[in-house]
Protein backbone atom coordinates (compact mmCIF):
# COMPACT_ATOMS: atom_id res chain seq x y z
CA MET A 1 0.00 0.00 0.00
CA LEU A 2 2.86 2.37 0.77
CA ALA A 3 4.45 1.60 -2.60
CA ALA A 4 1.16 2.31 -4.36
CA ALA A 5 0.77 5.54 -2.38
CA LEU A 6 4.28 6.61 -3.44
CA ALA A 7 3.45 5.86 -7.08
CA LEU A 8 0.26 7.91 -6.91
CA ALA A 9 2.05 10.80 -5.21
CA LEU A 10 4.71 10.82 -7.93
CA ALA A 11 2.00 10.67 -10.59
CA THR A 12 0.55 13.97 -9.38
CA ALA A 13 3.68 15.69 -10.71
CA TRP A 14 3.49 14.08 -14.14
CA VAL A 15 -0.13 13.36 -15.05
CA PRO A 16 -1.49 16.10 -17.36
CA PRO A 17 -5.07 17.40 -17.13
CA LEU A 18 -7.63 15.28 -18.92
CA PRO A 19 -9.21 17.15 -21.87
CA LEU A 20 -12.99 17.05 -22.03
CA THR A 21 -15.94 18.92 -23.51
CA ARG A 22 -18.62 20.61 -21.41
CA ALA A 23 -21.89 22.35 -22.22
CA GLY A 24 -21.15 25.95 -21.33
CA VAL A 25 -23.10 29.20 -21.50
CA GLN A 26 -22.25 32.81 -22.25
CA VAL A 27 -24.19 35.37 -20.24
CA LEU A 28 -24.38 39.14 -19.91
CA ALA A 29 -25.72 40.04 -16.45
CA VAL A 30 -27.11 43.59 -16.21
CA VAL A 31 -28.13 44.86 -12.76
CA ASP A 32 -30.49 47.75 -12.07
CA ILE A 33 -28.82 50.09 -9.54
CA THR A 34 -31.48 52.83 -9.47
CA GLY A 35 -32.97 54.17 -6.23
CA SER A 36 -35.85 51.72 -5.84
CA MET A 37 -33.35 48.83 -5.74
CA ASN A 38 -32.37 50.11 -2.27
CA VAL A 39 -35.77 49.07 -0.88
CA ARG A 40 -35.21 46.54 1.90
CA ASP A 41 -37.94 43.97 1.31
CA TYR A 42 -35.70 40.88 1.46
CA ALA A 43 -34.05 39.30 4.48
CA ALA A 44 -30.72 37.56 5.02
CA GLY A 45 -29.39 36.21 8.30
CA GLY A 46 -32.37 37.62 10.14
CA GLN A 47 -31.62 41.16 8.92
CA PRO A 48 -33.38 43.27 6.26
CA GLN A 49 -31.71 43.11 2.86
CA SER A 50 -32.04 45.47 -0.09
CA ARG A 51 -33.05 44.31 -3.54
CA LEU A 52 -29.61 45.19 -4.86
CA GLU A 53 -27.88 43.07 -2.21
CA ALA A 54 -30.27 40.17 -2.90
CA ALA A 55 -29.54 40.46 -6.63
CA LYS A 56 -25.79 40.40 -5.98
CA ALA A 57 -26.11 37.31 -3.77
CA ALA A 58 -28.10 35.51 -6.48
CA LEU A 59 -25.59 36.41 -9.22
CA ARG A 60 -22.66 35.25 -7.09
CA HIS A 61 -24.45 31.95 -6.47
CA LEU A 62 -25.14 31.67 -10.20
CA LEU A 63 -21.47 32.37 -11.00
CA ALA A 64 -20.31 29.61 -8.65
CA GLY A 65 -22.61 27.11 -10.37
CA LEU A 66 -21.61 27.81 -13.98
CA PRO A 67 -19.51 25.05 -15.58
CA CYS A 68 -15.91 25.85 -16.39
CA GLY A 69 -15.58 27.18 -19.90
CA SER A 70 -18.66 29.36 -19.50
CA ARG A 71 -18.21 33.11 -19.92
CA LEU A 72 -19.80 35.98 -18.02
CA ALA A 73 -20.01 39.71 -18.74
CA LEU A 74 -21.28 42.27 -16.23
CA GLY A 75 -23.13 45.53 -16.75
CA LEU A 76 -25.05 48.21 -14.84
CA PHE A 77 -28.34 49.86 -15.66
CA THR A 78 -29.52 53.32 -14.67
CA GLU A 79 -31.41 56.15 -16.37
CA ARG A 80 -32.15 54.62 -19.80
CA ARG A 81 -29.12 52.62 -20.86
CA PRO A 82 -26.83 49.84 -19.63
CA PHE A 83 -23.10 50.27 -19.15
CA LEU A 84 -20.77 47.31 -19.78
CA LEU A 85 -18.21 46.88 -16.99
CA PHE A 86 -16.29 44.10 -18.69
CA ALA A 87 -16.65 41.81 -21.72
CA PRO A 88 -17.29 38.06 -21.31
CA VAL A 89 -14.52 36.25 -19.42
CA GLU A 90 -14.08 32.61 -18.49
CA VAL A 91 -15.68 31.99 -15.10
CA CYS A 92 -13.25 29.51 -13.51
CA GLU A 93 -9.92 31.16 -14.32
CA ASN A 94 -11.38 34.57 -13.44
CA PHE A 95 -13.70 33.55 -10.62
CA ALA A 96 -12.17 35.76 -7.91
CA PRO A 97 -12.18 39.06 -9.87
CA VAL A 98 -15.66 38.43 -11.32
CA ASP A 99 -17.07 37.52 -7.91
CA GLY A 100 -15.41 40.61 -6.44
CA ALA A 101 -16.86 42.84 -9.17
CA ILE A 102 -20.38 41.58 -8.47
CA ALA A 103 -19.90 42.05 -4.72
CA ALA A 104 -18.70 45.65 -5.28
CA LEU A 105 -21.81 46.79 -7.20
CA ASP A 106 -23.26 49.85 -5.49
CA TRP A 107 -26.15 52.24 -6.08
CA ARG A 108 -23.65 55.12 -5.89
CA MET A 109 -22.34 54.06 -9.31
CA ALA A 110 -25.51 55.45 -10.92
CA TRP A 111 -24.97 58.45 -13.20
CA GLU A 112 -28.63 59.59 -13.48
CA ALA A 113 -31.72 59.32 -11.28
CA ASP A 114 -34.31 58.22 -13.86
CA SER A 115 -35.22 54.56 -14.35
CA ARG A 116 -36.55 53.97 -17.87
CA ILE A 117 -36.69 50.19 -17.64
CA THR A 118 -38.13 49.53 -21.10
CA ALA A 119 -35.50 51.61 -22.88
CA GLY A 120 -32.70 50.10 -20.78
CA LEU A 121 -33.87 46.55 -21.45
CA ASP A 122 -34.02 47.15 -25.20
CA ARG A 123 -30.46 48.48 -25.19
CA ALA A 124 -29.26 45.60 -22.99
CA ILE A 125 -30.73 43.13 -25.50
CA ALA A 126 -28.91 44.92 -28.31
CA MET A 127 -25.67 44.84 -26.28
CA ALA A 128 -26.02 41.10 -25.59
CA GLY A 129 -26.56 40.51 -29.31
CA GLU A 130 -23.43 42.48 -30.17
CA ILE A 131 -21.17 40.48 -27.84
CA GLY A 132 -22.86 37.14 -28.58
CA THR A 133 -24.30 36.26 -25.16
CA ASP A 134 -27.58 35.48 -23.47
CA LEU A 135 -28.99 38.13 -21.12
CA VAL A 136 -29.91 38.22 -17.43
CA PHE A 137 -31.53 41.59 -16.66
CA VAL A 138 -32.24 42.14 -12.95
CA THR A 139 -34.66 44.94 -12.04
CA ASP A 140 -37.76 45.67 -9.95
CA GLY A 141 -39.50 47.03 -13.05
CA GLN A 142 -40.43 50.43 -11.61
CA GLU A 143 -40.35 53.01 -14.41
CA ALA A 144 -39.41 56.53 -13.32
CA PRO A 145 -41.03 58.57 -14.73
CA PRO A 146 -44.00 56.25 -15.29
CA LEU A 147 -44.88 55.24 -18.83
CA ARG A 148 -47.55 57.34 -20.48
CA ALA A 149 -50.86 55.56 -19.82
CA GLY A 150 -48.90 52.36 -19.21
CA ALA A 151 -48.34 51.91 -22.95
CA LEU A 152 -45.27 49.96 -24.04
CA PRO A 153 -43.34 51.35 -27.01
CA PRO A 154 -42.81 48.91 -29.91
CA PHE A 155 -39.80 46.61 -29.72
CA GLU A 156 -37.46 47.44 -32.58
CA GLY A 157 -35.47 44.21 -32.35
CA GLN A 158 -36.40 40.65 -33.26
CA PRO A 159 -38.22 38.88 -30.40
CA GLY A 160 -36.33 35.76 -29.33
CA ALA A 161 -33.12 36.63 -31.18
CA VAL A 162 -31.43 37.03 -27.79
CA ARG A 163 -32.33 34.47 -25.15
CA GLY A 164 -32.29 34.92 -21.42
CA LEU A 165 -34.14 36.12 -18.35
CA ILE A 166 -35.82 39.19 -17.01
CA VAL A 167 -35.49 38.84 -13.23
CA GLY A 168 -38.04 40.66 -11.08
CA ALA A 169 -36.51 41.86 -7.81
CA GLY A 170 -38.60 42.88 -4.81
CA GLY A 171 -41.61 41.93 -2.74
CA TYR A 172 -45.20 42.08 -3.91
CA GLY A 173 -46.30 44.60 -1.28
CA LEU A 174 -45.60 48.33 -1.48
CA SER A 175 -42.57 49.48 0.54
CA PRO A 176 -41.01 52.93 1.12
CA ILE A 177 -37.98 53.91 -0.94
CA PRO A 178 -34.96 55.08 1.11
CA LYS A 179 -33.81 58.63 0.49
CA TYR A 180 -30.13 59.68 0.62
CA ASN A 181 -28.41 63.04 0.77
CA ASP A 182 -25.48 64.14 -1.40
CA ARG A 183 -23.07 62.43 1.03
CA GLY A 184 -24.75 59.08 0.56
CA ARG A 185 -26.34 59.03 4.02
CA GLU A 186 -29.89 57.83 4.44
CA THR A 187 -32.18 60.66 5.53
CA GLY A 188 -35.62 59.02 5.43
CA PHE A 189 -37.99 57.92 2.69
CA TYR A 190 -39.43 59.52 -0.43
CA GLY A 191 -42.83 61.17 -0.05
CA GLU A 192 -45.62 61.57 -2.58
CA THR A 193 -44.48 65.04 -3.64
CA ASP A 194 -40.85 63.93 -4.09
CA VAL A 195 -41.60 61.61 -6.99
CA GLN A 196 -43.21 62.18 -10.37
CA GLN A 197 -46.57 60.43 -10.09
CA GLU A 198 -47.65 60.83 -13.72
CA ASN A 199 -45.87 61.18 -17.02
CA ARG A 200 -46.95 64.56 -18.39
CA PHE A 201 -44.75 64.64 -21.46
CA GLY A 202 -46.44 64.57 -24.83
CA PRO A 203 -50.17 64.79 -25.53
CA PRO A 204 -52.62 64.59 -22.60
CA PRO A 205 -54.52 61.38 -21.79
CA ALA A 206 -58.04 60.63 -23.01
CA ASP A 207 -59.65 61.67 -19.69
CA ALA A 208 -57.91 65.07 -19.57
CA GLU A 209 -61.07 67.05 -20.34
CA SER A 210 -62.81 65.63 -17.27
CA ARG A 211 -60.07 66.75 -14.90
CA GLU A 212 -60.46 69.73 -12.60
CA GLY A 213 -58.96 72.92 -14.05
CA TYR A 214 -58.52 71.47 -17.54
CA ASN A 215 -57.47 74.03 -20.12
CA PRO A 216 -56.38 72.81 -23.57
CA ARG A 217 -53.67 75.48 -23.78
CA ASN A 218 -52.51 76.24 -20.23
CA ALA A 219 -53.45 73.09 -18.26
CA PRO A 220 -53.89 70.18 -20.67
CA PHE A 221 -53.40 67.68 -17.80
CA GLY A 222 -55.64 69.56 -15.36
CA ALA A 223 -54.72 72.06 -12.66
CA ALA A 224 -54.35 69.61 -9.77
CA ALA A 225 -51.06 67.92 -8.94
CA ALA A 226 -50.97 64.25 -9.80
CA GLY A 227 -51.31 61.81 -6.90
CA GLY A 228 -50.40 58.16 -6.65
CA THR A 229 -48.13 55.57 -5.09
CA GLU A 230 -45.00 55.97 -7.23
CA HIS A 231 -43.09 56.96 -4.08
CA LEU A 232 -43.68 53.42 -2.85
CA SER A 233 -42.26 50.39 -4.56
CA SER A 234 -42.95 46.73 -5.27
CA VAL A 235 -41.83 44.35 -7.98
CA ARG A 236 -43.80 45.36 -11.10
CA GLU A 237 -44.33 41.79 -12.20
CA PRO A 238 -47.16 42.35 -14.74
CA HIS A 239 -45.03 45.01 -16.45
CA LEU A 240 -41.94 42.76 -16.50
CA LYS A 241 -43.92 39.81 -17.85
CA ALA A 242 -45.28 42.08 -20.59
CA LEU A 243 -41.70 43.08 -21.42
CA ALA A 244 -40.73 39.40 -21.51
CA ASP A 245 -43.54 38.61 -23.96
CA ARG A 246 -42.59 41.65 -26.05
CA THR A 247 -38.90 40.67 -26.34
CA GLY A 248 -39.04 36.86 -26.30
CA LEU A 249 -37.22 36.57 -22.97
CA ALA A 250 -38.32 34.44 -20.03
CA TYR A 251 -39.32 35.84 -16.64
CA ALA A 252 -38.27 34.71 -13.16
CA HIS A 253 -38.80 36.23 -9.73
CA LEU A 254 -35.79 36.77 -7.48
CA ASP A 255 -36.53 34.60 -4.48
CA GLY A 256 -33.32 33.69 -2.70
CA PRO A 257 -29.68 33.18 -3.72
CA ALA A 258 -30.36 29.99 -5.71
CA SER A 259 -33.42 31.28 -7.54
CA LEU A 260 -31.64 32.07 -10.84
CA ASN A 261 -29.83 28.79 -11.49
CA ALA A 262 -32.73 26.64 -12.69
CA PRO A 263 -34.50 29.38 -14.73
CA LEU A 264 -31.28 30.22 -16.57
CA ARG A 265 -30.52 26.55 -17.29
CA ALA A 266 -33.99 26.25 -18.85
CA VAL A 267 -33.48 29.06 -21.36
CA ALA A 268 -29.72 29.47 -21.84
CA THR A 269 -28.03 28.76 -25.15
CA ARG A 270 -25.70 25.86 -24.46
CA SER A 271 -22.62 25.36 -26.59
CA PRO A 272 -19.74 22.88 -26.33
CA VAL A 273 -16.68 24.39 -24.68
CA ALA A 274 -13.27 22.86 -24.22
CA GLY A 275 -12.43 22.07 -20.64
CA ARG A 276 -9.89 20.19 -18.56
CA LEU A 277 -10.23 17.83 -15.63
CA ASP A 278 -7.32 18.07 -13.21
CA LEU A 279 -6.66 14.55 -11.92
CA ARG A 280 -4.08 15.57 -9.31
CA PRO A 281 -6.52 16.10 -6.41
CA TYR A 282 -7.97 12.63 -6.97
CA LEU A 283 -4.53 10.97 -7.20
CA GLY A 284 -3.32 12.79 -4.10
CA GLY A 285 -6.48 11.84 -2.21
CA ALA A 286 -6.07 8.20 -3.16
CA ALA A 287 -2.43 8.27 -2.00
CA LEU A 288 -3.48 9.71 1.36
CA VAL A 289 -6.11 6.99 1.79
CA LEU A 290 -3.53 4.28 1.10
CA VAL A 291 -1.03 5.78 3.58
CA LEU A 292 -3.69 5.91 6.31
CA ALA A 293 -4.78 2.37 5.50
CA ALA A 294 -1.18 1.14 5.72
CA PHE A 295 -0.65 2.64 9.16
CA LEU A 296 -3.99 1.39 10.45
CA ALA A 297 -3.66 -2.11 8.99
CA ALA A 298 -1.20 -3.47 11.60
CA PRO A 299 -3.18 -2.40 14.71
CA LEU A 300 -6.43 -3.69 13.20
CA ARG A 301 -4.82 -7.01 12.32
CA ALA A 302 -3.41 -7.34 15.85
CA LEU A 303 -6.86 -6.76 17.32
CA THR A 304 -8.54 -9.33 15.09
CA MET A 305 -5.88 -11.99 15.73
CA ARG A 306 -5.62 -11.58 19.51
CA VAL A 307 -6.41 -14.89 21.25
CA PRO A 308 -8.45 -14.56 24.43
CA THR A 309 -6.73 -15.85 27.62
CA PRO A 310 -8.53 -18.92 29.09
CA ARG A 311 -10.02 -18.46 32.52
CA LYS A 312 -8.56 -20.38 35.49
CA ALA A 313 -10.78 -22.94 37.12
């Protein structure tokens, strides 16, 4: 056994990796970092957790489960367009920097305050098509300012040309949105008058004439300030599902760190990628087992062969 253990130990220095082929994926993950993603309607370790932190935990779990040879790109979304942080890189050789980049995502990276989800998703789909990846777009779906009369603009791309997921982040109940000052310190929550409750760009809605103070020239939307619940936030699941139908993507709700793995496997474009299986850990483990067995063999044999002493009459 010791001779075999020595042979296995020596083999770890000479045995090359075993080439093999895996089914890998290529994914662009785009994360919404706008203000409503700071809403704390998740929990982790018994403590409240923001949507952004929950999204990061899910993406890090997804990264750890991707087969070697897969490639991941990372982007941010705010205002109306995504920003690519880095192009697709292999997930095993670059695991530490990619995992660190996901962990470092922060709402302070945002360059504008608006959140035009539909426009950002369309541009993220175009970006994924340009770099040849599937798409994972994580957002709570809250448009700021709201869409005019809830109408979706036409999709200029080809539905289904890019595969992937729209991931809805957030709880189903309305929650207050944290408010921060220019130093990044939380100062409370947004109120009704702090947020645009209605989109008043373009022509007025069909019911404008029935509104108080309506004047076709001076007050085409009425004289009263718009009211609503846009200062509160929940996952806008019907809106995100409509976007998924419009673009040919699938929809999944963010519900825990492992909630993205199975939905992505169901829709991802799998392609054969060259991989390697390092046999050295297995050879070294087998050598260790043989060494332990050799040292334990003699005491075990002595115990099994011990003859009991006969009792005196």
